[in-house]
């Protein structure tokens, strides 16, 4: 398994578990789901800020994950794996870990969340560039 695929796997696991803080927060603050909750969505605006941030952190990864997965798979199928793609995949994963922690914690200094998201996006561009120049 290439390092890029390894970090795609780890990012997939992160995506698969990042919904948990949001659900834990909803149950802690609103109790278990009721029959009515299955008919209509709970109003997430009634929950504490950290629960809403946890929801957005998960959604944000969902939004960026497709591009990461697609680029890593195209690179793999095209036989593009080098120091740049390997580093970009690793940095993407760790940036997404940091992004989730900072987002859920509500850390608001230095535009950290935006900067880390941008770092992850730049990793996508590095992988895309490597595919383009190799092709």
C-alpha atoms as a PDB file:
ATOM      1  CA  UNK A   1       0.000   0.000   0.000  1.00  0.00           C
ATOM      2  CA  UNK A   2       1.374   3.399  -0.944  1.00  0.00           C
ATOM      3  CA  UNK A   3       1.611   6.127   1.692  1.00  0.00           C
ATOM      4  CA  UNK A   4      -1.084   8.053  -0.178  1.00  0.00           C
ATOM      5  CA  UNK A   5      -3.493   5.125   0.102  1.00  0.00           C
ATOM      6  CA  UNK A   6      -2.587   4.711   3.776  1.00  0.00           C
ATOM      7  CA  UNK A   7      -3.518   8.334   4.458  1.00  0.00           C
ATOM      8  CA  UNK A   8      -6.686   7.914   2.400  1.00  0.00           C
ATOM      9  CA  UNK A   9      -7.543   4.968   4.667  1.00  0.00           C
ATOM     10  CA  UNK A  10      -6.812   7.008   7.807  1.00  0.00           C
ATOM     11  CA  UNK A  11      -8.842   9.936   6.470  1.00  0.00           C
ATOM     12  CA  UNK A  12     -11.711   7.534   5.765  1.00  0.00           C
ATOM     13  CA  UNK A  13     -11.573   6.303   9.357  1.00  0.00           C
ATOM     14  CA  UNK A  14     -11.555   9.908  10.586  1.00  0.00           C
ATOM     15  CA  UNK A  15     -14.600  10.630   8.450  1.00  0.00           C
ATOM     16  CA  UNK A  16     -16.301   7.495   9.782  1.00  0.00           C
ATOM     17  CA  UNK A  17     -15.885   8.562  13.434  1.00  0.00           C
ATOM     18  CA  UNK A  18     -16.110  12.350  13.280  1.00  0.00           C
ATOM     19  CA  UNK A  19     -19.921  12.282  13.565  1.00  0.00           C
ATOM     20  CA  UNK A  20     -19.644  10.806  17.078  1.00  0.00           C
ATOM     21  CA  UNK A  21     -18.966  14.046  19.041  1.00  0.00           C
ATOM     22  CA  UNK A  22     -22.017  15.654  17.443  1.00  0.00           C
ATOM     23  CA  UNK A  23     -24.294  12.725  18.300  1.00  0.00           C
ATOM     24  CA  UNK A  24     -22.917  12.464  21.839  1.00  0.00           C
ATOM     25  CA  UNK A  25     -23.605  16.177  22.303  1.00  0.00           C
ATOM     26  CA  UNK A  26     -27.131  15.848  20.949  1.00  0.00           C
ATOM     27  CA  UNK A  27     -27.938  12.930  23.264  1.00  0.00           C
ATOM     28  CA  UNK A  28     -26.351  14.685  26.261  1.00  0.00           C
ATOM     29  CA  UNK A  29     -28.432  17.798  25.637  1.00  0.00           C
ATOM     30  CA  UNK A  30     -31.613  16.470  24.061  1.00  0.00           C
ATOM     31  CA  UNK A  31     -31.857  12.889  25.224  1.00  0.00           C
ATOM     32  CA  UNK A  32     -32.288   9.818  23.036  1.00  0.00           C
ATOM     33  CA  UNK A  33     -34.209  10.188  19.802  1.00  0.00           C
ATOM     34  CA  UNK A  34     -37.978  10.020  20.058  1.00  0.00           C
ATOM     35  CA  UNK A  35     -40.542   8.911  17.488  1.00  0.00           C
ATOM     36  CA  UNK A  36     -41.097  12.575  16.592  1.00  0.00           C
ATOM     37  CA  UNK A  37     -37.358  13.071  16.087  1.00  0.00           C
ATOM     38  CA  UNK A  38     -37.505  10.484  13.320  1.00  0.00           C
ATOM     39  CA  UNK A  39     -40.298  12.411  11.598  1.00  0.00           C
ATOM     40  CA  UNK A  40     -38.687  15.829  11.835  1.00  0.00           C
ATOM     41  CA  UNK A  41     -35.123  16.863  12.407  1.00  0.00           C
ATOM     42  CA  UNK A  42     -34.072  18.214  15.759  1.00  0.00           C
ATOM     43  CA  UNK A  43     -33.328  21.912  15.807  1.00  0.00           C
ATOM     44  CA  UNK A  44     -29.542  21.921  16.087  1.00  0.00           C
ATOM     45  CA  UNK A  45     -29.600  25.648  16.946  1.00  0.00           C
ATOM     46  CA  UNK A  46     -30.900  24.715  20.408  1.00  0.00           C
ATOM     47  CA  UNK A  47     -27.719  22.807  21.257  1.00  0.00           C
ATOM     48  CA  UNK A  48     -24.532  24.225  22.787  1.00  0.00           C
ATOM     49  CA  UNK A  49     -22.041  25.812  20.412  1.00  0.00           C
ATOM     50  CA  UNK A  50     -19.596  22.898  20.648  1.00  0.00           C
ATOM     51  CA  UNK A  51     -22.272  20.472  19.406  1.00  0.00           C
ATOM     52  CA  UNK A  52     -23.025  22.679  16.396  1.00  0.00           C
ATOM     53  CA  UNK A  53     -19.288  23.054  15.728  1.00  0.00           C
ATOM     54  CA  UNK A  54     -18.868  19.266  15.897  1.00  0.00           C
ATOM     55  CA  UNK A  55     -21.609  18.911  13.295  1.00  0.00           C
ATOM     56  CA  UNK A  56     -19.927  21.471  11.032  1.00  0.00           C
ATOM     57  CA  UNK A  57     -16.494  19.868  11.498  1.00  0.00           C
ATOM     58  CA  UNK A  58     -17.906  16.594  10.200  1.00  0.00           C
ATOM     59  CA  UNK A  59     -19.716  18.270   7.303  1.00  0.00           C
ATOM     60  CA  UNK A  60     -16.571  20.206   6.427  1.00  0.00           C
ATOM     61  CA  UNK A  61     -14.549  16.998   6.146  1.00  0.00           C
ATOM     62  CA  UNK A  62     -17.313  15.420   4.057  1.00  0.00           C
ATOM     63  CA  UNK A  63     -17.042  18.388   1.684  1.00  0.00           C
ATOM     64  CA  UNK A  64     -13.272  18.058   1.262  1.00  0.00           C
ATOM     65  CA  UNK A  65     -12.953  14.282   1.465  1.00  0.00           C
ATOM     66  CA  UNK A  66     -14.325  13.555  -2.008  1.00  0.00           C
ATOM     67  CA  UNK A  67     -11.634  15.614  -3.688  1.00  0.00           C
ATOM     68  CA  UNK A  68      -8.920  14.000  -1.576  1.00  0.00           C
ATOM     69  CA  UNK A  69     -10.165  10.483  -2.274  1.00  0.00           C
ATOM     70  CA  UNK A  70     -10.556  11.169  -5.972  1.00  0.00           C
ATOM     71  CA  UNK A  71      -7.100  12.659  -6.353  1.00  0.00           C
ATOM     72  CA  UNK A  72      -5.387   9.918  -4.349  1.00  0.00           C
ATOM     73  CA  UNK A  73      -7.153   7.217  -6.370  1.00  0.00           C
ATOM     74  CA  UNK A  74      -6.365   8.874  -9.712  1.00  0.00           C
ATOM     75  CA  UNK A  75      -2.729   9.268  -8.654  1.00  0.00           C
ATOM     76  CA  UNK A  76      -2.617   5.619  -7.624  1.00  0.00           C
ATOM     77  CA  UNK A  77      -4.196   4.398 -10.863  1.00  0.00           C
ATOM     78  CA  UNK A  78      -1.853   6.616 -12.883  1.00  0.00           C
ATOM     79  CA  UNK A  79       1.188   5.342 -10.976  1.00  0.00           C
ATOM     80  CA  UNK A  80       1.949   8.786  -9.556  1.00  0.00           C
ATOM     81  CA  UNK A  81       3.564   8.447  -6.146  1.00  0.00           C
ATOM     82  CA  UNK A  82       6.508  10.590  -5.156  1.00  0.00           C
ATOM     83  CA  UNK A  83       7.759  12.606  -2.235  1.00  0.00           C
ATOM     84  CA  UNK A  84       5.385  15.466  -2.994  1.00  0.00           C
ATOM     85  CA  UNK A  85       2.242  13.322  -3.192  1.00  0.00           C
ATOM     86  CA  UNK A  86       3.249  11.318  -0.131  1.00  0.00           C
ATOM     87  CA  UNK A  87       3.915  14.441   1.924  1.00  0.00           C
ATOM     88  CA  UNK A  88       0.720  16.096   0.693  1.00  0.00           C
ATOM     89  CA  UNK A  89      -1.368  13.070   1.694  1.00  0.00           C
ATOM     90  CA  UNK A  90       0.218  12.959   5.154  1.00  0.00           C
ATOM     91  CA  UNK A  91      -0.155  16.692   5.731  1.00  0.00           C
ATOM     92  CA  UNK A  92      -3.776  16.542   4.521  1.00  0.00           C
ATOM     93  CA  UNK A  93      -4.627  13.884   7.114  1.00  0.00           C
ATOM     94  CA  UNK A  94      -2.904  15.624  10.011  1.00  0.00           C
ATOM     95  CA  UNK A  95      -4.327  18.991   8.987  1.00  0.00           C
ATOM     96  CA  UNK A  96      -7.820  17.479   9.028  1.00  0.00           C
ATOM     97  CA  UNK A  97      -7.188  16.057  12.522  1.00  0.00           C
ATOM     98  CA  UNK A  98      -6.052  19.493  13.711  1.00  0.00           C
ATOM     99  CA  UNK A  99      -8.969  21.168  11.926  1.00  0.00           C
ATOM    100  CA  UNK A 100     -11.505  18.950  13.707  1.00  0.00           C
ATOM    101  CA  UNK A 101      -9.945  19.515  17.134  1.00  0.00           C
ATOM    102  CA  UNK A 102      -9.668  23.270  16.683  1.00  0.00           C
ATOM    103  CA  UNK A 103     -13.159  23.547  15.194  1.00  0.00           C
ATOM    104  CA  UNK A 104     -14.887  21.538  17.937  1.00  0.00           C
ATOM    105  CA  UNK A 105     -12.894  23.254  20.701  1.00  0.00           C
ATOM    106  CA  UNK A 106     -13.874  26.665  19.359  1.00  0.00           C
ATOM    107  CA  UNK A 107     -10.297  27.901  19.203  1.00  0.00           C
ATOM    108  CA  UNK A 108     -10.656  31.298  17.568  1.00  0.00           C
ATOM    109  CA  UNK A 109      -7.148  32.730  17.477  1.00  0.00           C
ATOM    110  CA  UNK A 110      -4.896  33.393  14.484  1.00  0.00           C
ATOM    111  CA  UNK A 111      -7.637  32.287  12.041  1.00  0.00           C
ATOM    112  CA  UNK A 112      -6.284  28.808  12.814  1.00  0.00           C
ATOM    113  CA  UNK A 113      -9.275  26.923  11.455  1.00  0.00           C
ATOM    114  CA  UNK A 114      -9.186  28.767   8.130  1.00  0.00           C
ATOM    115  CA  UNK A 115      -5.424  28.434   7.846  1.00  0.00           C
ATOM    116  CA  UNK A 116      -5.513  24.697   8.523  1.00  0.00           C
ATOM    117  CA  UNK A 117      -8.354  24.189   6.029  1.00  0.00           C
ATOM    118  CA  UNK A 118      -6.270  26.092   3.472  1.00  0.00           C
ATOM    119  CA  UNK A 119      -3.246  23.890   4.172  1.00  0.00           C
ATOM    120  CA  UNK A 120      -5.398  20.809   3.527  1.00  0.00           C
ATOM    121  CA  UNK A 121      -6.713  22.373   0.305  1.00  0.00           C
ATOM    122  CA  UNK A 122      -3.161  23.162  -0.825  1.00  0.00           C
ATOM    123  CA  UNK A 123      -2.320  19.486  -0.296  1.00  0.00           C
ATOM    124  CA  UNK A 124      -5.086  18.645  -2.763  1.00  0.00           C
ATOM    125  CA  UNK A 125      -3.563  21.065  -5.253  1.00  0.00           C
ATOM    126  CA  UNK A 126      -0.116  19.489  -4.817  1.00  0.00           C
ATOM    127  CA  UNK A 127      -1.491  16.041  -5.596  1.00  0.00           C
ATOM    128  CA  UNK A 128      -3.459  17.394  -8.562  1.00  0.00           C
ATOM    129  CA  UNK A 129      -0.352  19.165  -9.899  1.00  0.00           C
ATOM    130  CA  UNK A 130       1.746  16.031  -9.598  1.00  0.00           C
ATOM    131  CA  UNK A 131      -0.866  14.100 -11.584  1.00  0.00           C
ATOM    132  CA  UNK A 132      -0.946  16.806 -14.263  1.00  0.00           C
ATOM    133  CA  UNK A 133       2.817  17.020 -14.722  1.00  0.00           C
ATOM    134  CA  UNK A 134       3.194  13.248 -14.777  1.00  0.00           C
ATOM    135  CA  UNK A 135       0.476  12.765 -17.360  1.00  0.00           C
END
